[in-house]
Amino acid sequence: MFPTLEEFHEWMPALLGGLKISLQVATCSLIIGVPLGLLLALGVEAKTRTWRILSLFLVEVGRGAPALVLLQFMYFGLPSTGLTMSSFGAAVVALAWNTGAYTSEIIRASLHAIPAGQKEAAEAMGFSALDELRFVLLPQALRVALPALLAFAILIFQGTSLCFTIALPELVSNAYEIGSNTFRYMPALLLAGLLYASICVPAACIVSYVERRSSAYTIR
């Protein structure tokens, strides 16, 4: 059931290589997805009907379709339209869309949580709509949203495990390959799970700390 010391030394380079790719996919997805989420949150609240409908469509599809379906669509579906992406590119685009859809609702809820007096004060001081958003609303909203955004980042990192279905050599894919070559699936997957836990458990502790600090700030 457990890997031997020899197997540990033999398998770990491949598993760490897969972990590196998983982290790269998660990081790129968040770098693209969180700003996209902000744009979608603003789009849903826009007065222009076209932008509002387009933003709602992207949000509802991104939230309603499972990440696995988005991955399959980007990698296997788009080539039929003449657009082909690498497995890494397809993984980043699919998970960034999923990230943008979910974080848009987090950011939108945080914007609505800001007291109306803050907006009224900015208008009374003569701020433009853009300056009001940049200097008054967004700093406060992002502070409220930060714990939820960090928690979602952990979910996206865990979601990279689905990328083995599109032949991306990430952590789970490499663990399966080791298992198929050695018929030792349990030890290989156990090591993969421990590597995931080595990232997710400390990250969850950081999220809890940030959440406590954020709650203390809200109470004040």
C-alpha atoms as a PDB file:
ATOM      1  CA  MET A   1       0.000   0.000   0.000  1.00  0.00           C
ATOM      2  CA  PHE A   2       2.781   2.437   0.932  1.00  0.00           C
ATOM      3  CA  PRO A   3       5.692   3.269  -1.376  1.00  0.00           C
ATOM      4  CA  THR A   4       9.086   1.874  -0.485  1.00  0.00           C
ATOM      5  CA  LEU A   5      12.052   4.176  -0.006  1.00  0.00           C
ATOM      6  CA  GLU A   6      13.416   3.093  -3.377  1.00  0.00           C
ATOM      7  CA  GLU A   7      10.097   3.853  -5.092  1.00  0.00           C
ATOM      8  CA  PHE A   8       9.944   7.204  -3.336  1.00  0.00           C
ATOM      9  CA  HIS A   9      13.317   8.248  -4.751  1.00  0.00           C
ATOM     10  CA  GLU A  10      12.491   6.846  -8.183  1.00  0.00           C
ATOM     11  CA  TRP A  11       9.021   8.394  -8.550  1.00  0.00           C
ATOM     12  CA  MET A  12       9.460  11.736  -6.819  1.00  0.00           C
ATOM     13  CA  PRO A  13      11.188  13.593  -9.707  1.00  0.00           C
ATOM     14  CA  ALA A  14       8.299  12.809 -12.076  1.00  0.00           C
ATOM     15  CA  LEU A  15       5.700  13.695  -9.436  1.00  0.00           C
ATOM     16  CA  LEU A  16       7.438  16.966  -8.587  1.00  0.00           C
ATOM     17  CA  GLY A  17       7.582  17.781 -12.287  1.00  0.00           C
ATOM     18  CA  GLY A  18       3.834  17.197 -12.484  1.00  0.00           C
ATOM     19  CA  LEU A  19       3.298  19.339  -9.380  1.00  0.00           C
ATOM     20  CA  LYS A  20       5.238  22.165 -11.041  1.00  0.00           C
ATOM     21  CA  ILE A  21       2.938  22.045 -14.070  1.00  0.00           C
ATOM     22  CA  SER A  22      -0.142  21.954 -11.816  1.00  0.00           C
ATOM     23  CA  LEU A  23       1.085  25.074 -10.020  1.00  0.00           C
ATOM     24  CA  GLN A  24       1.826  26.799 -13.330  1.00  0.00           C
ATOM     25  CA  VAL A  25      -1.669  26.074 -14.653  1.00  0.00           C
ATOM     26  CA  ALA A  26      -3.304  27.253 -11.425  1.00  0.00           C
ATOM     27  CA  THR A  27      -1.196  30.424 -11.301  1.00  0.00           C
ATOM     28  CA  CYS A  28      -1.864  31.365 -14.937  1.00  0.00           C
ATOM     29  CA  SER A  29      -5.571  30.626 -14.528  1.00  0.00           C
ATOM     30  CA  LEU A  30      -5.787  32.910 -11.491  1.00  0.00           C
ATOM     31  CA  ILE A  31      -3.727  35.696 -13.073  1.00  0.00           C
ATOM     32  CA  ILE A  32      -6.139  35.740 -16.020  1.00  0.00           C
ATOM     33  CA  GLY A  33      -9.315  34.690 -14.214  1.00  0.00           C
ATOM     34  CA  VAL A  34      -9.424  37.152 -11.297  1.00  0.00           C
ATOM     35  CA  PRO A  35      -9.157  40.299 -13.489  1.00  0.00           C
ATOM     36  CA  LEU A  36     -11.690  38.671 -15.804  1.00  0.00           C
ATOM     37  CA  GLY A  37     -13.945  38.178 -12.787  1.00  0.00           C
ATOM     38  CA  LEU A  38     -13.686  41.891 -11.971  1.00  0.00           C
ATOM     39  CA  LEU A  39     -14.604  42.819 -15.554  1.00  0.00           C
ATOM     40  CA  LEU A  40     -17.537  40.406 -15.528  1.00  0.00           C
ATOM     41  CA  ALA A  41     -18.730  41.743 -12.157  1.00  0.00           C
ATOM     42  CA  LEU A  42     -18.710  45.272 -13.558  1.00  0.00           C
ATOM     43  CA  GLY A  43     -20.301  44.032 -16.784  1.00  0.00           C
ATOM     44  CA  VAL A  44     -23.200  42.411 -14.946  1.00  0.00           C
ATOM     45  CA  GLU A  45     -23.835  45.742 -13.197  1.00  0.00           C
ATOM     46  CA  ALA A  46     -23.414  47.781 -16.397  1.00  0.00           C
ATOM     47  CA  LYS A  47     -26.224  49.980 -17.640  1.00  0.00           C
ATOM     48  CA  THR A  48     -25.608  48.954 -21.243  1.00  0.00           C
ATOM     49  CA  ARG A  49     -27.907  46.009 -21.993  1.00  0.00           C
ATOM     50  CA  THR A  50     -25.498  44.350 -24.458  1.00  0.00           C
ATOM     51  CA  TRP A  51     -22.597  44.258 -21.987  1.00  0.00           C
ATOM     52  CA  ARG A  52     -24.907  43.068 -19.227  1.00  0.00           C
ATOM     53  CA  ILE A  53     -26.291  40.177 -21.286  1.00  0.00           C
ATOM     54  CA  LEU A  54     -22.832  39.157 -22.565  1.00  0.00           C
ATOM     55  CA  SER A  55     -21.375  39.230 -19.049  1.00  0.00           C
ATOM     56  CA  LEU A  56     -24.292  37.226 -17.639  1.00  0.00           C
ATOM     57  CA  PHE A  57     -23.879  34.651 -20.398  1.00  0.00           C
ATOM     58  CA  LEU A  58     -20.164  34.179 -19.680  1.00  0.00           C
ATOM     59  CA  VAL A  59     -20.795  33.997 -15.925  1.00  0.00           C
ATOM     60  CA  GLU A  60     -23.670  31.537 -16.105  1.00  0.00           C
ATOM     61  CA  VAL A  61     -21.926  29.218 -18.579  1.00  0.00           C
ATOM     62  CA  GLY A  62     -18.656  29.401 -16.645  1.00  0.00           C
ATOM     63  CA  ARG A  63     -20.419  28.550 -13.386  1.00  0.00           C
ATOM     64  CA  GLY A  64     -22.998  26.150 -14.769  1.00  0.00           C
ATOM     65  CA  ALA A  65     -20.718  23.970 -16.862  1.00  0.00           C
ATOM     66  CA  PRO A  66     -18.397  21.669 -14.856  1.00  0.00           C
ATOM     67  CA  ALA A  67     -14.698  22.465 -15.198  1.00  0.00           C
ATOM     68  CA  LEU A  68     -14.214  19.050 -16.805  1.00  0.00           C
ATOM     69  CA  VAL A  69     -16.684  19.953 -19.573  1.00  0.00           C
ATOM     70  CA  LEU A  70     -14.911  23.270 -20.187  1.00  0.00           C
ATOM     71  CA  LEU A  71     -11.575  21.453 -20.426  1.00  0.00           C
ATOM     72  CA  GLN A  72     -12.966  18.926 -22.896  1.00  0.00           C
ATOM     73  CA  PHE A  73     -14.603  21.684 -24.946  1.00  0.00           C
ATOM     74  CA  MET A  74     -11.400  23.738 -25.205  1.00  0.00           C
ATOM     75  CA  TYR A  75      -9.133  20.809 -26.055  1.00  0.00           C
ATOM     76  CA  PHE A  76     -11.354  18.481 -28.101  1.00  0.00           C
ATOM     77  CA  GLY A  77     -14.219  20.745 -29.213  1.00  0.00           C
ATOM     78  CA  LEU A  78     -12.497  23.852 -30.547  1.00  0.00           C
ATOM     79  CA  PRO A  79     -10.323  22.005 -33.118  1.00  0.00           C
ATOM     80  CA  SER A  80     -13.518  21.276 -35.079  1.00  0.00           C
ATOM     81  CA  THR A  81     -13.815  25.049 -35.597  1.00  0.00           C
ATOM     82  CA  GLY A  82     -10.211  25.317 -36.770  1.00  0.00           C
ATOM     83  CA  LEU A  83      -8.834  26.584 -33.461  1.00  0.00           C
ATOM     84  CA  THR A  84      -6.328  24.222 -31.862  1.00  0.00           C
ATOM     85  CA  MET A  85      -4.605  24.749 -28.519  1.00  0.00           C
ATOM     86  CA  SER A  86      -1.989  22.821 -26.614  1.00  0.00           C
ATOM     87  CA  SER A  87      -3.129  20.919 -23.554  1.00  0.00           C
ATOM     88  CA  PHE A  88      -1.514  23.582 -21.335  1.00  0.00           C
ATOM     89  CA  GLY A  89      -3.244  26.429 -23.201  1.00  0.00           C
ATOM     90  CA  ALA A  90      -6.601  24.661 -23.151  1.00  0.00           C
ATOM     91  CA  ALA A  91      -6.262  24.010 -19.405  1.00  0.00           C
ATOM     92  CA  VAL A  92      -5.432  27.646 -18.663  1.00  0.00           C
ATOM     93  CA  VAL A  93      -8.270  29.047 -20.809  1.00  0.00           C
ATOM     94  CA  ALA A  94     -10.861  26.651 -19.381  1.00  0.00           C
ATOM     95  CA  LEU A  95      -9.884  27.152 -15.745  1.00  0.00           C
ATOM     96  CA  ALA A  96      -9.486  30.920 -16.235  1.00  0.00           C
ATOM     97  CA  TRP A  97     -13.057  31.060 -17.573  1.00  0.00           C
ATOM     98  CA  ASN A  98     -14.245  29.029 -14.590  1.00  0.00           C
ATOM     99  CA  THR A  99     -12.274  31.299 -12.246  1.00  0.00           C
ATOM    100  CA  GLY A 100     -13.622  34.466 -13.831  1.00  0.00           C
ATOM    101  CA  ALA A 101     -17.206  33.252 -13.594  1.00  0.00           C
ATOM    102  CA  TYR A 102     -17.017  32.366  -9.893  1.00  0.00           C
ATOM    103  CA  THR A 103     -14.838  35.266  -8.768  1.00  0.00           C
ATOM    104  CA  SER A 104     -17.160  37.718 -10.548  1.00  0.00           C
ATOM    105  CA  GLU A 105     -19.912  36.761  -8.113  1.00  0.00           C
ATOM    106  CA  ILE A 106     -17.522  37.007  -5.160  1.00  0.00           C
ATOM    107  CA  ILE A 107     -16.382  40.473  -6.221  1.00  0.00           C
ATOM    108  CA  ARG A 108     -19.914  41.630  -7.049  1.00  0.00           C
ATOM    109  CA  ALA A 109     -21.164  40.540  -3.621  1.00  0.00           C
ATOM    110  CA  SER A 110     -18.235  42.360  -2.001  1.00  0.00           C
ATOM    111  CA  LEU A 111     -19.049  45.545  -3.919  1.00  0.00           C
ATOM    112  CA  HIS A 112     -22.646  45.341  -2.702  1.00  0.00           C
ATOM    113  CA  ALA A 113     -21.393  44.843   0.876  1.00  0.00           C
ATOM    114  CA  ILE A 114     -19.805  48.312   0.938  1.00  0.00           C
ATOM    115  CA  PRO A 115     -22.021  50.781   2.846  1.00  0.00           C
ATOM    116  CA  ALA A 116     -23.925  53.153   0.576  1.00  0.00           C
ATOM    117  CA  GLY A 117     -22.440  56.073   2.480  1.00  0.00           C
ATOM    118  CA  GLN A 118     -19.027  55.375   0.957  1.00  0.00           C
ATOM    119  CA  LYS A 119     -20.405  55.809  -2.556  1.00  0.00           C
ATOM    120  CA  GLU A 120     -22.338  58.914  -1.562  1.00  0.00           C
ATOM    121  CA  ALA A 121     -19.231  60.434   0.033  1.00  0.00           C
ATOM    122  CA  ALA A 122     -17.195  59.819  -3.136  1.00  0.00           C
ATOM    123  CA  GLU A 123     -19.896  61.467  -5.239  1.00  0.00           C
ATOM    124  CA  ALA A 124     -20.063  64.414  -2.835  1.00  0.00           C
ATOM    125  CA  MET A 125     -16.289  64.908  -3.221  1.00  0.00           C
ATOM    126  CA  GLY A 126     -16.685  65.093  -6.984  1.00  0.00           C
ATOM    127  CA  PHE A 127     -15.024  61.774  -7.854  1.00  0.00           C
ATOM    128  CA  SER A 128     -15.594  60.490 -11.380  1.00  0.00           C
ATOM    129  CA  ALA A 129     -17.117  57.013 -11.731  1.00  0.00           C
ATOM    130  CA  LEU A 130     -13.678  55.550 -12.513  1.00  0.00           C
ATOM    131  CA  ASP A 131     -11.950  57.281  -9.590  1.00  0.00           C
ATOM    132  CA  GLU A 132     -14.779  56.230  -7.289  1.00  0.00           C
ATOM    133  CA  LEU A 133     -14.251  52.641  -8.347  1.00  0.00           C
ATOM    134  CA  ARG A 134     -10.432  52.772  -8.156  1.00  0.00           C
ATOM    135  CA  PHE A 135      -9.934  54.672  -4.918  1.00  0.00           C
ATOM    136  CA  VAL A 136     -13.061  54.021  -2.858  1.00  0.00           C
ATOM    137  CA  LEU A 137     -15.017  50.923  -3.843  1.00  0.00           C
ATOM    138  CA  LEU A 138     -12.429  48.419  -5.116  1.00  0.00           C
ATOM    139  CA  PRO A 139      -9.926  48.671  -2.214  1.00  0.00           C
ATOM    140  CA  GLN A 140     -12.697  47.975   0.282  1.00  0.00           C
ATOM    141  CA  ALA A 141     -14.397  45.307  -1.838  1.00  0.00           C
ATOM    142  CA  LEU A 142     -11.179  43.392  -2.462  1.00  0.00           C
ATOM    143  CA  ARG A 143     -10.403  43.384   1.246  1.00  0.00           C
ATOM    144  CA  VAL A 144     -13.814  41.843   1.908  1.00  0.00           C
ATOM    145  CA  ALA A 145     -13.422  39.386  -0.987  1.00  0.00           C
ATOM    146  CA  LEU A 146      -9.844  38.332  -0.224  1.00  0.00           C
ATOM    147  CA  PRO A 147     -10.606  35.297   2.011  1.00  0.00           C
ATOM    148  CA  ALA A 148     -13.109  33.906  -0.504  1.00  0.00           C
ATOM    149  CA  LEU A 149     -10.712  34.533  -3.409  1.00  0.00           C
ATOM    150  CA  LEU A 150      -7.880  32.749  -1.604  1.00  0.00           C
ATOM    151  CA  ALA A 151     -10.140  29.802  -0.781  1.00  0.00           C
ATOM    152  CA  PHE A 152     -11.201  29.611  -4.431  1.00  0.00           C
ATOM    153  CA  ALA A 153      -7.536  29.651  -5.488  1.00  0.00           C
ATOM    154  CA  ILE A 154      -7.072  26.426  -3.516  1.00  0.00           C
ATOM    155  CA  LEU A 155     -10.033  24.878  -5.348  1.00  0.00           C
ATOM    156  CA  ILE A 156      -8.544  25.861  -8.710  1.00  0.00           C
ATOM    157  CA  PHE A 157      -5.229  24.259  -7.772  1.00  0.00           C
ATOM    158  CA  GLN A 158      -7.078  21.079  -6.829  1.00  0.00           C
ATOM    159  CA  GLY A 159      -9.076  21.368 -10.052  1.00  0.00           C
ATOM    160  CA  THR A 160      -5.891  21.079 -12.102  1.00  0.00           C
ATOM    161  CA  SER A 161      -6.095  17.347 -11.342  1.00  0.00           C
ATOM    162  CA  LEU A 162      -8.832  17.184 -14.009  1.00  0.00           C
ATOM    163  CA  CYS A 163      -6.279  18.174 -16.646  1.00  0.00           C
ATOM    164  CA  PHE A 164      -5.058  14.587 -16.919  1.00  0.00           C
ATOM    165  CA  THR A 165      -8.120  14.042 -19.153  1.00  0.00           C
ATOM    166  CA  ILE A 166      -6.578  16.273 -21.842  1.00  0.00           C
ATOM    167  CA  ALA A 167      -3.123  14.654 -21.720  1.00  0.00           C
ATOM    168  CA  LEU A 168      -1.471  17.403 -19.674  1.00  0.00           C
ATOM    169  CA  PRO A 169       1.462  15.874 -17.754  1.00  0.00           C
ATOM    170  CA  GLU A 170       0.432  17.330 -14.397  1.00  0.00           C
ATOM    171  CA  LEU A 171       0.625  15.614 -11.011  1.00  0.00           C
ATOM    172  CA  VAL A 172      -2.278  13.146 -11.308  1.00  0.00           C
ATOM    173  CA  SER A 173      -1.363  12.289 -14.900  1.00  0.00           C
ATOM    174  CA  ASN A 174       2.198  11.432 -13.885  1.00  0.00           C
ATOM    175  CA  ALA A 175       0.944   9.405 -10.917  1.00  0.00           C
ATOM    176  CA  TYR A 176      -1.333   7.403 -13.240  1.00  0.00           C
ATOM    177  CA  GLU A 177       1.556   6.834 -15.645  1.00  0.00           C
ATOM    178  CA  ILE A 178       3.720   5.518 -12.815  1.00  0.00           C
ATOM    179  CA  GLY A 179       0.858   3.270 -11.739  1.00  0.00           C
ATOM    180  CA  SER A 180       0.335   1.905 -15.260  1.00  0.00           C
ATOM    181  CA  ASN A 181       4.041   1.156 -15.626  1.00  0.00           C
ATOM    182  CA  THR A 182       4.491  -0.483 -12.227  1.00  0.00           C
ATOM    183  CA  PHE A 183       0.940  -1.645 -11.385  1.00  0.00           C
ATOM    184  CA  ARG A 184       1.434   0.209  -8.095  1.00  0.00           C
ATOM    185  CA  TYR A 185      -1.407   2.689  -8.368  1.00  0.00           C
ATOM    186  CA  MET A 186      -2.110   3.068  -4.665  1.00  0.00           C
ATOM    187  CA  PRO A 187       1.412   4.140  -3.601  1.00  0.00           C
ATOM    188  CA  ALA A 188       1.769   6.493  -6.588  1.00  0.00           C
ATOM    189  CA  LEU A 189      -1.590   8.152  -5.967  1.00  0.00           C
ATOM    190  CA  LEU A 190      -0.852   8.304  -2.242  1.00  0.00           C
ATOM    191  CA  LEU A 191       2.325  10.277  -2.934  1.00  0.00           C
ATOM    192  CA  ALA A 192       0.389  12.558  -5.296  1.00  0.00           C
ATOM    193  CA  GLY A 193      -2.198  13.154  -2.582  1.00  0.00           C
ATOM    194  CA  LEU A 194       0.516  14.019  -0.069  1.00  0.00           C
ATOM    195  CA  LEU A 195       1.998  16.544  -2.494  1.00  0.00           C
ATOM    196  CA  TYR A 196      -1.424  18.148  -2.963  1.00  0.00           C
ATOM    197  CA  ALA A 197      -1.853  18.244   0.816  1.00  0.00           C
ATOM    198  CA  SER A 198       1.587  19.848   1.267  1.00  0.00           C
ATOM    199  CA  ILE A 199       0.286  22.839  -0.708  1.00  0.00           C
ATOM    200  CA  CYS A 200      -3.394  22.904   0.263  1.00  0.00           C
ATOM    201  CA  VAL A 201      -3.125  22.463   4.051  1.00  0.00           C
ATOM    202  CA  PRO A 202      -0.748  25.424   4.650  1.00  0.00           C
ATOM    203  CA  ALA A 203      -2.770  27.478   2.144  1.00  0.00           C
ATOM    204  CA  ALA A 204      -5.983  26.680   4.045  1.00  0.00           C
ATOM    205  CA  CYS A 205      -4.321  27.845   7.281  1.00  0.00           C
ATOM    206  CA  ILE A 206      -3.363  31.115   5.578  1.00  0.00           C
ATOM    207  CA  VAL A 207      -6.945  31.554   4.373  1.00  0.00           C
ATOM    208  CA  SER A 208      -8.250  31.018   7.921  1.00  0.00           C
ATOM    209  CA  TYR A 209      -5.808  33.610   9.261  1.00  0.00           C
ATOM    210  CA  VAL A 210      -6.769  36.155   6.580  1.00  0.00           C
ATOM    211  CA  GLU A 211     -10.447  35.487   7.253  1.00  0.00           C
ATOM    212  CA  ARG A 212     -10.009  36.151  10.963  1.00  0.00           C
ATOM    213  CA  ARG A 213      -8.151  39.386  10.242  1.00  0.00           C
ATOM    214  CA  SER A 214     -10.787  40.423   7.731  1.00  0.00           C
ATOM    215  CA  SER A 215     -13.557  39.729  10.265  1.00  0.00           C
ATOM    216  CA  ALA A 216     -11.757  41.791  12.891  1.00  0.00           C
ATOM    217  CA  TYR A 217     -11.485  44.657  10.411  1.00  0.00           C
ATOM    218  CA  THR A 218     -15.193  44.402   9.577  1.00  0.00           C
ATOM    219  CA  ILE A 219     -16.169  44.444  13.267  1.00  0.00           C
ATOM    220  CA  ARG A 220     -14.126  47.623  13.838  1.00  0.00           C
END
